[in-house]
């Protein structure tokens, strides 16, 4: 098992065979914002129902934004981390919705 990457750039180099493939992955999962130790992002080729993915240090989650904000699934996050991520999704829902419409036009 490899040690954890000390920076996102190092992690990309270790996880992907080339810088070009790393760029493709990053373009396919654009970051909406970072806050509270979480990264909020989309996957480009996924279902059409509005949602956001949240990556934390210990795991990740997916939150639906429609018809209402609710937890879809998670792995590795504590209840405290889930609650904090939910609070941030609620606080930034307008920014997330705007970013969704820019990333998924039409």
PDB file of N, CA and C in Angstrom:
ATOM      1  N   UNK A   1       0.841  -1.180   0.000  1.00  0.00           N
ATOM      2  CA  UNK A   1       0.000   0.000   0.000  1.00  0.00           C
ATOM      3  C   UNK A   1       0.884   1.241   0.000  1.00  0.00           C
ATOM      4  N   UNK A   2       0.567   2.193  -0.848  1.00  0.00           N
ATOM      5  CA  UNK A   2       1.361   3.413  -0.936  1.00  0.00           C
ATOM      6  C   UNK A   2       0.963   4.374   0.169  1.00  0.00           C
ATOM      7  N   UNK A   3       1.901   5.171   0.654  1.00  0.00           N
ATOM      8  CA  UNK A   3       1.543   6.195   1.650  1.00  0.00           C
ATOM      9  C   UNK A   3       0.628   7.224   1.033  1.00  0.00           C
ATOM     10  N   UNK A   4      -0.128   7.890   1.888  1.00  0.00           N
ATOM     11  CA  UNK A   4      -1.048   8.927   1.418  1.00  0.00           C
ATOM     12  C   UNK A   4      -0.270  10.042   0.741  1.00  0.00           C
ATOM     13  N   UNK A   5      -0.859  10.597  -0.279  1.00  0.00           N
ATOM     14  CA  UNK A   5      -0.225  11.703  -0.996  1.00  0.00           C
ATOM     15  C   UNK A   5      -0.190  12.930  -0.104  1.00  0.00           C
ATOM     16  N   UNK A   6       0.887  13.693  -0.217  1.00  0.00           N
ATOM     17  CA  UNK A   6       0.997  14.887   0.608  1.00  0.00           C
ATOM     18  C   UNK A   6       0.304  16.084  -0.033  1.00  0.00           C
ATOM     19  N   UNK A   7      -0.031  15.978  -1.302  1.00  0.00           N
ATOM     20  CA  UNK A   7      -0.754  17.059  -1.974  1.00  0.00           C
ATOM     21  C   UNK A   7      -1.639  16.453  -3.039  1.00  0.00           C
ATOM     22  N   UNK A   8      -2.704  17.168  -3.446  1.00  0.00           N
ATOM     23  CA  UNK A   8      -3.569  16.649  -4.497  1.00  0.00           C
ATOM     24  C   UNK A   8      -2.804  16.341  -5.781  1.00  0.00           C
ATOM     25  N   UNK A   9      -1.824  17.157  -6.097  1.00  0.00           N
ATOM     26  CA  UNK A   9      -1.062  16.942  -7.312  1.00  0.00           C
ATOM     27  C   UNK A   9      -0.309  15.615  -7.255  1.00  0.00           C
ATOM     28  N   UNK A  10       0.313  15.309  -6.110  1.00  0.00           N
ATOM     29  CA  UNK A  10       0.998  14.032  -5.964  1.00  0.00           C
ATOM     30  C   UNK A  10       0.005  12.885  -6.064  1.00  0.00           C
ATOM     31  N   UNK A  11      -1.168  13.054  -5.455  1.00  0.00           N
ATOM     32  CA  UNK A  11      -2.188  12.015  -5.503  1.00  0.00           C
ATOM     33  C   UNK A  11      -2.615  11.725  -6.926  1.00  0.00           C
ATOM     34  N   UNK A  12      -2.735  12.760  -7.734  1.00  0.00           N
ATOM     35  CA  UNK A  12      -3.113  12.574  -9.130  1.00  0.00           C
ATOM     36  C   UNK A  12      -2.030  11.776  -9.837  1.00  0.00           C
ATOM     37  N   UNK A  13      -0.786  12.095  -9.590  1.00  0.00           N
ATOM     38  CA  UNK A  13       0.309  11.381 -10.245  1.00  0.00           C
ATOM     39  C   UNK A  13       0.311   9.910  -9.860  1.00  0.00           C
ATOM     40  N   UNK A  14       0.004   9.590  -8.629  1.00  0.00           N
ATOM     41  CA  UNK A  14       0.022   8.205  -8.185  1.00  0.00           C
ATOM     42  C   UNK A  14      -1.196   7.427  -8.666  1.00  0.00           C
ATOM     43  N   UNK A  15      -2.351   8.075  -8.752  1.00  0.00           N
ATOM     44  CA  UNK A  15      -3.583   7.374  -9.083  1.00  0.00           C
ATOM     45  C   UNK A  15      -3.777   7.164 -10.576  1.00  0.00           C
ATOM     46  N   UNK A  16      -3.240   8.044 -11.409  1.00  0.00           N
ATOM     47  CA  UNK A  16      -3.508   7.989 -12.823  1.00  0.00           C
ATOM     48  C   UNK A  16      -2.225   7.727 -13.592  1.00  0.00           C
ATOM     49  N   UNK A  17      -2.327   6.972 -14.685  1.00  0.00           N
ATOM     50  CA  UNK A  17      -1.131   6.613 -15.438  1.00  0.00           C
ATOM     51  C   UNK A  17      -0.464   7.783 -16.153  1.00  0.00           C
ATOM     52  N   UNK A  18      -1.214   8.830 -16.436  1.00  0.00           N
ATOM     53  CA  UNK A  18      -0.607   9.970 -17.120  1.00  0.00           C
ATOM     54  C   UNK A  18      -1.270  11.264 -16.669  1.00  0.00           C
ATOM     55  N   UNK A  19      -0.578  12.349 -16.878  1.00  0.00           N
ATOM     56  CA  UNK A  19      -1.151  13.656 -16.536  1.00  0.00           C
ATOM     57  C   UNK A  19      -2.382  13.934 -17.379  1.00  0.00           C
ATOM     58  N   UNK A  20      -2.393  13.478 -18.626  1.00  0.00           N
ATOM     59  CA  UNK A  20      -3.551  13.706 -19.499  1.00  0.00           C
ATOM     60  C   UNK A  20      -4.787  13.000 -18.958  1.00  0.00           C
ATOM     61  N   UNK A  21      -4.644  11.759 -18.507  1.00  0.00           N
ATOM     62  CA  UNK A  21      -5.812  11.060 -17.966  1.00  0.00           C
ATOM     63  C   UNK A  21      -6.258  11.683 -16.652  1.00  0.00           C
ATOM     64  N   UNK A  22      -5.348  12.213 -15.877  1.00  0.00           N
ATOM     65  CA  UNK A  22      -5.714  12.902 -14.638  1.00  0.00           C
ATOM     66  C   UNK A  22      -6.536  14.145 -14.948  1.00  0.00           C
ATOM     67  N   UNK A  23      -6.143  14.894 -15.984  1.00  0.00           N
ATOM     68  CA  UNK A  23      -6.901  16.087 -16.375  1.00  0.00           C
ATOM     69  C   UNK A  23      -8.311  15.718 -16.819  1.00  0.00           C
ATOM     70  N   UNK A  24      -8.457  14.621 -17.526  1.00  0.00           N
ATOM     71  CA  UNK A  24      -9.784  14.182 -17.974  1.00  0.00           C
ATOM     72  C   UNK A  24     -10.658  13.885 -16.768  1.00  0.00           C
ATOM     73  N   UNK A  25     -10.130  13.161 -15.792  1.00  0.00           N
ATOM     74  CA  UNK A  25     -10.897  12.832 -14.583  1.00  0.00           C
ATOM     75  C   UNK A  25     -11.289  14.111 -13.852  1.00  0.00           C
ATOM     76  N   UNK A  26     -10.375  15.051 -13.699  1.00  0.00           N
ATOM     77  CA  UNK A  26     -10.671  16.284 -12.992  1.00  0.00           C
ATOM     78  C   UNK A  26     -11.710  17.114 -13.733  1.00  0.00           C
ATOM     79  N   UNK A  27     -11.690  17.110 -15.054  1.00  0.00           N
ATOM     80  CA  UNK A  27     -12.705  17.816 -15.827  1.00  0.00           C
ATOM     81  C   UNK A  27     -14.066  17.144 -15.704  1.00  0.00           C
ATOM     82  N   UNK A  28     -14.060  15.838 -15.520  1.00  0.00           N
ATOM     83  CA  UNK A  28     -15.313  15.095 -15.411  1.00  0.00           C
ATOM     84  C   UNK A  28     -15.904  15.168 -14.012  1.00  0.00           C
ATOM     85  N   UNK A  29     -15.151  15.645 -13.054  1.00  0.00           N
ATOM     86  CA  UNK A  29     -15.673  15.805 -11.697  1.00  0.00           C
ATOM     87  C   UNK A  29     -15.239  17.162 -11.136  1.00  0.00           C
ATOM     88  N   UNK A  30     -15.809  18.235 -11.697  1.00  0.00           N
ATOM     89  CA  UNK A  30     -15.395  19.579 -11.284  1.00  0.00           C
ATOM     90  C   UNK A  30     -15.783  19.904  -9.842  1.00  0.00           C
ATOM     91  N   UNK A  31     -14.895  20.590  -9.173  1.00  0.00           N
ATOM     92  CA  UNK A  31     -15.137  21.034  -7.800  1.00  0.00           C
ATOM     93  C   UNK A  31     -16.021  22.272  -7.821  1.00  0.00           C
ATOM     94  N   UNK A  32     -17.091  22.246  -7.035  1.00  0.00           N
ATOM     95  CA  UNK A  32     -17.985  23.393  -6.904  1.00  0.00           C
ATOM     96  C   UNK A  32     -17.411  24.342  -5.863  1.00  0.00           C
ATOM     97  N   UNK A  33     -17.050  23.791  -4.696  1.00  0.00           N
ATOM     98  CA  UNK A  33     -16.378  24.576  -3.660  1.00  0.00           C
ATOM     99  C   UNK A  33     -15.759  23.639  -2.634  1.00  0.00           C
ATOM    100  N   UNK A  34     -14.904  24.191  -1.788  1.00  0.00           N
ATOM    101  CA  UNK A  34     -14.283  23.467  -0.674  1.00  0.00           C
ATOM    102  C   UNK A  34     -14.546  24.268   0.587  1.00  0.00           C
ATOM    103  N   UNK A  35     -14.936  23.551   1.617  1.00  0.00           N
ATOM    104  CA  UNK A  35     -15.152  24.222   2.900  1.00  0.00           C
ATOM    105  C   UNK A  35     -15.214  23.165   4.001  1.00  0.00           C
ATOM    106  N   UNK A  36     -14.715  23.520   5.177  1.00  0.00           N
ATOM    107  CA  UNK A  36     -14.811  22.644   6.336  1.00  0.00           C
ATOM    108  C   UNK A  36     -14.137  21.297   6.164  1.00  0.00           C
ATOM    109  N   UNK A  37     -13.110  21.241   5.337  1.00  0.00           N
ATOM    110  CA  UNK A  37     -12.414  19.983   5.093  1.00  0.00           C
ATOM    111  C   UNK A  37     -13.109  19.087   4.082  1.00  0.00           C
ATOM    112  N   UNK A  38     -14.115  19.609   3.382  1.00  0.00           N
ATOM    113  CA  UNK A  38     -14.855  18.846   2.384  1.00  0.00           C
ATOM    114  C   UNK A  38     -14.654  19.443   0.996  1.00  0.00           C
ATOM    115  N   UNK A  39     -14.731  18.582   0.007  1.00  0.00           N
ATOM    116  CA  UNK A  39     -14.770  18.994  -1.403  1.00  0.00           C
ATOM    117  C   UNK A  39     -16.160  18.651  -1.921  1.00  0.00           C
ATOM    118  N   UNK A  40     -16.825  19.618  -2.532  1.00  0.00           N
ATOM    119  CA  UNK A  40     -18.160  19.448  -3.096  1.00  0.00           C
ATOM    120  C   UNK A  40     -18.001  19.459  -4.614  1.00  0.00           C
ATOM    121  N   UNK A  41     -18.486  18.421  -5.283  1.00  0.00           N
ATOM    122  CA  UNK A  41     -18.220  18.275  -6.712  1.00  0.00           C
ATOM    123  C   UNK A  41     -19.319  17.486  -7.414  1.00  0.00           C
ATOM    124  N   UNK A  42     -19.257  17.494  -8.758  1.00  0.00           N
ATOM    125  CA  UNK A  42     -20.165  16.731  -9.607  1.00  0.00           C
ATOM    126  C   UNK A  42     -19.364  15.682 -10.369  1.00  0.00           C
ATOM    127  N   UNK A  43     -20.046  14.632 -10.806  1.00  0.00           N
ATOM    128  CA  UNK A  43     -19.519  13.722 -11.818  1.00  0.00           C
ATOM    129  C   UNK A  43     -20.212  14.099 -13.117  1.00  0.00           C
ATOM    130  N   UNK A  44     -19.454  14.216 -14.191  1.00  0.00           N
ATOM    131  CA  UNK A  44     -20.027  14.677 -15.449  1.00  0.00           C
ATOM    132  C   UNK A  44     -20.944  13.658 -16.108  1.00  0.00           C
ATOM    133  N   UNK A  45     -20.688  12.401 -15.941  1.00  0.00           N
ATOM    134  CA  UNK A  45     -21.487  11.379 -16.627  1.00  0.00           C
ATOM    135  C   UNK A  45     -22.235  10.539 -15.604  1.00  0.00           C
ATOM    136  N   UNK A  46     -23.269  11.124 -15.090  1.00  0.00           N
ATOM    137  CA  UNK A  46     -24.046  10.445 -14.077  1.00  0.00           C
ATOM    138  C   UNK A  46     -25.508  10.795 -14.267  1.00  0.00           C
ATOM    139  N   UNK A  47     -26.341  10.387 -13.359  1.00  0.00           N
ATOM    140  CA  UNK A  47     -27.778  10.598 -13.491  1.00  0.00           C
ATOM    141  C   UNK A  47     -28.154  12.077 -13.558  1.00  0.00           C
ATOM    142  N   UNK A  48     -29.340  12.336 -14.103  1.00  0.00           N
ATOM    143  CA  UNK A  48     -29.745  13.713 -14.354  1.00  0.00           C
ATOM    144  C   UNK A  48     -30.395  14.398 -13.151  1.00  0.00           C
ATOM    145  N   UNK A  49     -30.813  13.644 -12.146  1.00  0.00           N
ATOM    146  CA  UNK A  49     -31.401  14.259 -10.951  1.00  0.00           C
ATOM    147  C   UNK A  49     -30.335  15.090 -10.235  1.00  0.00           C
ATOM    148  N   UNK A  50     -30.680  16.335  -9.916  1.00  0.00           N
ATOM    149  CA  UNK A  50     -29.702  17.256  -9.337  1.00  0.00           C
ATOM    150  C   UNK A  50     -29.189  16.743  -7.988  1.00  0.00           C
ATOM    151  N   UNK A  51     -27.856  16.678  -7.881  1.00  0.00           N
ATOM    152  CA  UNK A  51     -27.222  16.216  -6.650  1.00  0.00           C
ATOM    153  C   UNK A  51     -25.782  16.715  -6.614  1.00  0.00           C
ATOM    154  N   UNK A  52     -25.163  16.557  -5.460  1.00  0.00           N
ATOM    155  CA  UNK A  52     -23.761  16.937  -5.299  1.00  0.00           C
ATOM    156  C   UNK A  52     -23.058  15.850  -4.493  1.00  0.00           C
ATOM    157  N   UNK A  53     -21.821  15.585  -4.856  1.00  0.00           N
ATOM    158  CA  UNK A  53     -20.981  14.646  -4.124  1.00  0.00           C
ATOM    159  C   UNK A  53     -20.118  15.434  -3.144  1.00  0.00           C
ATOM    160  N   UNK A  54     -19.841  14.835  -2.011  1.00  0.00           N
ATOM    161  CA  UNK A  54     -19.035  15.470  -0.977  1.00  0.00           C
ATOM    162  C   UNK A  54     -17.937  14.494  -0.566  1.00  0.00           C
ATOM    163  N   UNK A  55     -16.701  14.949  -0.638  1.00  0.00           N
ATOM    164  CA  UNK A  55     -15.570  14.126  -0.239  1.00  0.00           C
ATOM    165  C   UNK A  55     -14.944  14.725   1.004  1.00  0.00           C
ATOM    166  N   UNK A  56     -14.815  13.905   2.030  1.00  0.00           N
ATOM    167  CA  UNK A  56     -14.150  14.313   3.252  1.00  0.00           C
ATOM    168  C   UNK A  56     -12.885  13.496   3.437  1.00  0.00           C
ATOM    169  N   UNK A  57     -12.196  13.726   4.491  1.00  0.00           N
ATOM    170  CA  UNK A  57     -10.949  13.004   4.745  1.00  0.00           C
ATOM    171  C   UNK A  57     -11.198  11.516   4.980  1.00  0.00           C
ATOM    172  N   UNK A  58     -12.343  11.169   5.579  1.00  0.00           N
ATOM    173  CA  UNK A  58     -12.605   9.785   5.955  1.00  0.00           C
ATOM    174  C   UNK A  58     -13.585   9.050   5.054  1.00  0.00           C
ATOM    175  N   UNK A  59     -14.174   9.750   4.085  1.00  0.00           N
ATOM    176  CA  UNK A  59     -15.158   9.102   3.236  1.00  0.00           C
ATOM    177  C   UNK A  59     -15.845  10.091   2.331  1.00  0.00           C
ATOM    178  N   UNK A  60     -17.008   9.680   1.838  1.00  0.00           N
ATOM    179  CA  UNK A  60     -17.733  10.539   0.917  1.00  0.00           C
ATOM    180  C   UNK A  60     -19.230  10.320   1.044  1.00  0.00           C
ATOM    181  N   UNK A  61     -19.985  11.254   0.462  1.00  0.00           N
ATOM    182  CA  UNK A  61     -21.445  11.186   0.507  1.00  0.00           C
ATOM    183  C   UNK A  61     -21.999  11.804  -0.770  1.00  0.00           C
ATOM    184  N   UNK A  62     -23.271  11.530  -0.981  1.00  0.00           N
ATOM    185  CA  UNK A  62     -24.005  12.115  -2.112  1.00  0.00           C
ATOM    186  C   UNK A  62     -25.304  12.667  -1.551  1.00  0.00           C
ATOM    187  N   UNK A  63     -25.603  13.915  -1.911  1.00  0.00           N
ATOM    188  CA  UNK A  63     -26.824  14.569  -1.448  1.00  0.00           C
ATOM    189  C   UNK A  63     -27.687  14.932  -2.647  1.00  0.00           C
ATOM    190  N   UNK A  64     -28.958  14.565  -2.596  1.00  0.00           N
ATOM    191  CA  UNK A  64     -29.934  15.022  -3.582  1.00  0.00           C
ATOM    192  C   UNK A  64     -30.240  16.485  -3.296  1.00  0.00           C
ATOM    193  N   UNK A  65     -30.469  17.258  -4.340  1.00  0.00           N
ATOM    194  CA  UNK A  65     -30.924  18.637  -4.176  1.00  0.00           C
ATOM    195  C   UNK A  65     -32.384  18.781  -4.572  1.00  0.00           C
ATOM    196  N   UNK A  66     -32.916  17.798  -5.292  1.00  0.00           N
ATOM    197  CA  UNK A  66     -34.311  17.840  -5.722  1.00  0.00           C
ATOM    198  C   UNK A  66     -34.960  16.494  -5.459  1.00  0.00           C
ATOM    199  N   UNK A  67     -36.181  16.439  -5.053  1.00  0.00           N
ATOM    200  CA  UNK A  67     -37.076  17.574  -4.860  1.00  0.00           C
ATOM    201  C   UNK A  67     -36.746  18.375  -3.598  1.00  0.00           C
ATOM    202  N   UNK A  68     -35.985  17.765  -2.683  1.00  0.00           N
ATOM    203  CA  UNK A  68     -35.520  18.491  -1.501  1.00  0.00           C
ATOM    204  C   UNK A  68     -34.120  17.985  -1.170  1.00  0.00           C
ATOM    205  N   UNK A  69     -33.415  18.724  -0.344  1.00  0.00           N
ATOM    206  CA  UNK A  69     -32.061  18.332   0.028  1.00  0.00           C
ATOM    207  C   UNK A  69     -32.139  17.178   1.013  1.00  0.00           C
ATOM    208  N   UNK A  70     -31.502  16.053   0.638  1.00  0.00           N
ATOM    209  CA  UNK A  70     -31.458  14.898   1.530  1.00  0.00           C
ATOM    210  C   UNK A  70     -30.271  14.016   1.182  1.00  0.00           C
ATOM    211  N   UNK A  71     -29.819  13.276   2.159  1.00  0.00           N
ATOM    212  CA  UNK A  71     -28.704  12.362   1.979  1.00  0.00           C
ATOM    213  C   UNK A  71     -29.141  11.192   1.110  1.00  0.00           C
ATOM    214  N   UNK A  72     -28.386  10.899   0.073  1.00  0.00           N
ATOM    215  CA  UNK A  72     -28.658   9.763  -0.801  1.00  0.00           C
ATOM    216  C   UNK A  72     -27.891   8.532  -0.323  1.00  0.00           C
ATOM    217  N   UNK A  73     -26.593   8.707  -0.123  1.00  0.00           N
ATOM    218  CA  UNK A  73     -25.743   7.597   0.322  1.00  0.00           C
ATOM    219  C   UNK A  73     -24.440   8.158   0.883  1.00  0.00           C
ATOM    220  N   UNK A  74     -23.757   7.315   1.641  1.00  0.00           N
ATOM    221  CA  UNK A  74     -22.461   7.732   2.181  1.00  0.00           C
ATOM    222  C   UNK A  74     -21.643   6.498   2.535  1.00  0.00           C
ATOM    223  N   UNK A  75     -20.356   6.717   2.678  1.00  0.00           N
ATOM    224  CA  UNK A  75     -19.448   5.669   3.138  1.00  0.00           C
ATOM    225  C   UNK A  75     -18.309   6.341   3.896  1.00  0.00           C
ATOM    226  N   UNK A  76     -17.993   5.816   5.064  1.00  0.00           N
ATOM    227  CA  UNK A  76     -16.829   6.254   5.820  1.00  0.00           C
ATOM    228  C   UNK A  76     -16.959   7.519   6.639  1.00  0.00           C
ATOM    229  N   UNK A  77     -18.014   8.274   6.476  1.00  0.00           N
ATOM    230  CA  UNK A  77     -18.175   9.523   7.223  1.00  0.00           C
ATOM    231  C   UNK A  77     -18.918   9.264   8.531  1.00  0.00           C
ATOM    232  N   UNK A  78     -18.536   9.983   9.567  1.00  0.00           N
ATOM    233  CA  UNK A  78     -19.237   9.892  10.849  1.00  0.00           C
ATOM    234  C   UNK A  78     -20.539  10.682  10.764  1.00  0.00           C
ATOM    235  N   UNK A  79     -21.413  10.471  11.720  1.00  0.00           N
ATOM    236  CA  UNK A  79     -22.664  11.227  11.743  1.00  0.00           C
ATOM    237  C   UNK A  79     -22.393  12.722  11.859  1.00  0.00           C
ATOM    238  N   UNK A  80     -21.373  13.102  12.623  1.00  0.00           N
ATOM    239  CA  UNK A  80     -21.005  14.518  12.742  1.00  0.00           C
ATOM    240  C   UNK A  80     -20.579  15.077  11.382  1.00  0.00           C
ATOM    241  N   UNK A  81     -19.776  14.315  10.632  1.00  0.00           N
ATOM    242  CA  UNK A  81     -19.327  14.771   9.315  1.00  0.00           C
ATOM    243  C   UNK A  81     -20.499  14.871   8.334  1.00  0.00           C
ATOM    244  N   UNK A  82     -21.404  13.919   8.395  1.00  0.00           N
ATOM    245  CA  UNK A  82     -22.591  13.954   7.534  1.00  0.00           C
ATOM    246  C   UNK A  82     -23.429  15.186   7.855  1.00  0.00           C
ATOM    247  N   UNK A  83     -23.646  15.443   9.139  1.00  0.00           N
ATOM    248  CA  UNK A  83     -24.429  16.618   9.544  1.00  0.00           C
ATOM    249  C   UNK A  83     -23.772  17.913   9.084  1.00  0.00           C
ATOM    250  N   UNK A  84     -22.453  17.987   9.200  1.00  0.00           N
ATOM    251  CA  UNK A  84     -21.734  19.195   8.770  1.00  0.00           C
ATOM    252  C   UNK A  84     -21.809  19.351   7.255  1.00  0.00           C
ATOM    253  N   UNK A  85     -21.635  18.265   6.520  1.00  0.00           N
ATOM    254  CA  UNK A  85     -21.740  18.322   5.058  1.00  0.00           C
ATOM    255  C   UNK A  85     -23.146  18.743   4.645  1.00  0.00           C
ATOM    256  N   UNK A  86     -24.160  18.195   5.291  1.00  0.00           N
ATOM    257  CA  UNK A  86     -25.549  18.569   4.999  1.00  0.00           C
ATOM    258  C   UNK A  86     -25.770  20.059   5.258  1.00  0.00           C
ATOM    259  N   UNK A  87     -25.254  20.551   6.374  1.00  0.00           N
ATOM    260  CA  UNK A  87     -25.397  21.970   6.694  1.00  0.00           C
ATOM    261  C   UNK A  87     -24.766  22.827   5.602  1.00  0.00           C
ATOM    262  N   UNK A  88     -23.595  22.420   5.115  1.00  0.00           N
ATOM    263  CA  UNK A  88     -22.911  23.190   4.073  1.00  0.00           C
ATOM    264  C   UNK A  88     -23.649  23.114   2.733  1.00  0.00           C
ATOM    265  N   UNK A  89     -24.218  21.956   2.414  1.00  0.00           N
ATOM    266  CA  UNK A  89     -25.023  21.844   1.194  1.00  0.00           C
ATOM    267  C   UNK A  89     -26.220  22.791   1.284  1.00  0.00           C
ATOM    268  N   UNK A  90     -26.885  22.800   2.436  1.00  0.00           N
ATOM    269  CA  UNK A  90     -28.032  23.693   2.613  1.00  0.00           C
ATOM    270  C   UNK A  90     -27.617  25.156   2.521  1.00  0.00           C
ATOM    271  N   UNK A  91     -26.497  25.483   3.145  1.00  0.00           N
ATOM    272  CA  UNK A  91     -26.009  26.870   3.144  1.00  0.00           C
ATOM    273  C   UNK A  91     -25.626  27.344   1.744  1.00  0.00           C
ATOM    274  N   UNK A  92     -25.089  26.442   0.929  1.00  0.00           N
ATOM    275  CA  UNK A  92     -24.589  26.809  -0.403  1.00  0.00           C
ATOM    276  C   UNK A  92     -25.470  26.287  -1.530  1.00  0.00           C
ATOM    277  N   UNK A  93     -26.707  25.931  -1.223  1.00  0.00           N
ATOM    278  CA  UNK A  93     -27.546  25.300  -2.245  1.00  0.00           C
ATOM    279  C   UNK A  93     -27.723  26.167  -3.494  1.00  0.00           C
ATOM    280  N   UNK A  94     -27.830  27.463  -3.356  1.00  0.00           N
ATOM    281  CA  UNK A  94     -27.986  28.309  -4.542  1.00  0.00           C
ATOM    282  C   UNK A  94     -26.739  28.282  -5.418  1.00  0.00           C
ATOM    283  N   UNK A  95     -25.566  28.293  -4.799  1.00  0.00           N
ATOM    284  CA  UNK A  95     -24.311  28.205  -5.553  1.00  0.00           C
ATOM    285  C   UNK A  95     -24.188  26.846  -6.242  1.00  0.00           C
ATOM    286  N   UNK A  96     -24.575  25.792  -5.548  1.00  0.00           N
ATOM    287  CA  UNK A  96     -24.498  24.445  -6.119  1.00  0.00           C
ATOM    288  C   UNK A  96     -25.448  24.327  -7.304  1.00  0.00           C
ATOM    289  N   UNK A  97     -26.673  24.812  -7.142  1.00  0.00           N
ATOM    290  CA  UNK A  97     -27.657  24.763  -8.231  1.00  0.00           C
ATOM    291  C   UNK A  97     -27.172  25.563  -9.452  1.00  0.00           C
ATOM    292  N   UNK A  98     -26.605  26.725  -9.205  1.00  0.00           N
ATOM    293  CA  UNK A  98     -26.082  27.545 -10.292  1.00  0.00           C
ATOM    294  C   UNK A  98     -24.945  26.816 -11.019  1.00  0.00           C
ATOM    295  N   UNK A  99     -24.039  26.233 -10.261  1.00  0.00           N
ATOM    296  CA  UNK A  99     -22.922  25.487 -10.856  1.00  0.00           C
ATOM    297  C   UNK A  99     -23.436  24.277 -11.632  1.00  0.00           C
ATOM    298  N   UNK A 100     -24.476  23.626 -11.124  1.00  0.00           N
ATOM    299  CA  UNK A 100     -25.079  22.478 -11.817  1.00  0.00           C
ATOM    300  C   UNK A 100     -25.570  22.904 -13.206  1.00  0.00           C
ATOM    301  N   UNK A 101     -26.311  24.009 -13.258  1.00  0.00           N
ATOM    302  CA  UNK A 101     -26.876  24.480 -14.521  1.00  0.00           C
ATOM    303  C   UNK A 101     -25.785  24.923 -15.499  1.00  0.00           C
ATOM    304  N   UNK A 102     -24.677  25.432 -14.995  1.00  0.00           N
ATOM    305  CA  UNK A 102     -23.558  25.796 -15.867  1.00  0.00           C
ATOM    306  C   UNK A 102     -22.854  24.556 -16.396  1.00  0.00           C
ATOM    307  N   UNK A 103     -22.703  23.540 -15.546  1.00  0.00           N
ATOM    308  CA  UNK A 103     -21.987  22.331 -15.937  1.00  0.00           C
ATOM    309  C   UNK A 103     -22.848  21.408 -16.797  1.00  0.00           C
ATOM    310  N   UNK A 104     -24.152  21.395 -16.533  1.00  0.00           N
ATOM    311  CA  UNK A 104     -25.090  20.529 -17.270  1.00  0.00           C
ATOM    312  C   UNK A 104     -26.134  21.409 -17.966  1.00  0.00           C
ATOM    313  N   UNK A 105     -25.738  22.144 -19.001  1.00  0.00           N
ATOM    314  CA  UNK A 105     -26.707  23.038 -19.655  1.00  0.00           C
ATOM    315  C   UNK A 105     -27.812  22.241 -20.341  1.00  0.00           C
ATOM    316  N   UNK A 106     -28.996  22.861 -20.386  1.00  0.00           N
ATOM    317  CA  UNK A 106     -30.112  22.244 -21.113  1.00  0.00           C
ATOM    318  C   UNK A 106     -30.939  21.474 -20.247  1.00  0.00           C
TER     319      UNK A 106
END
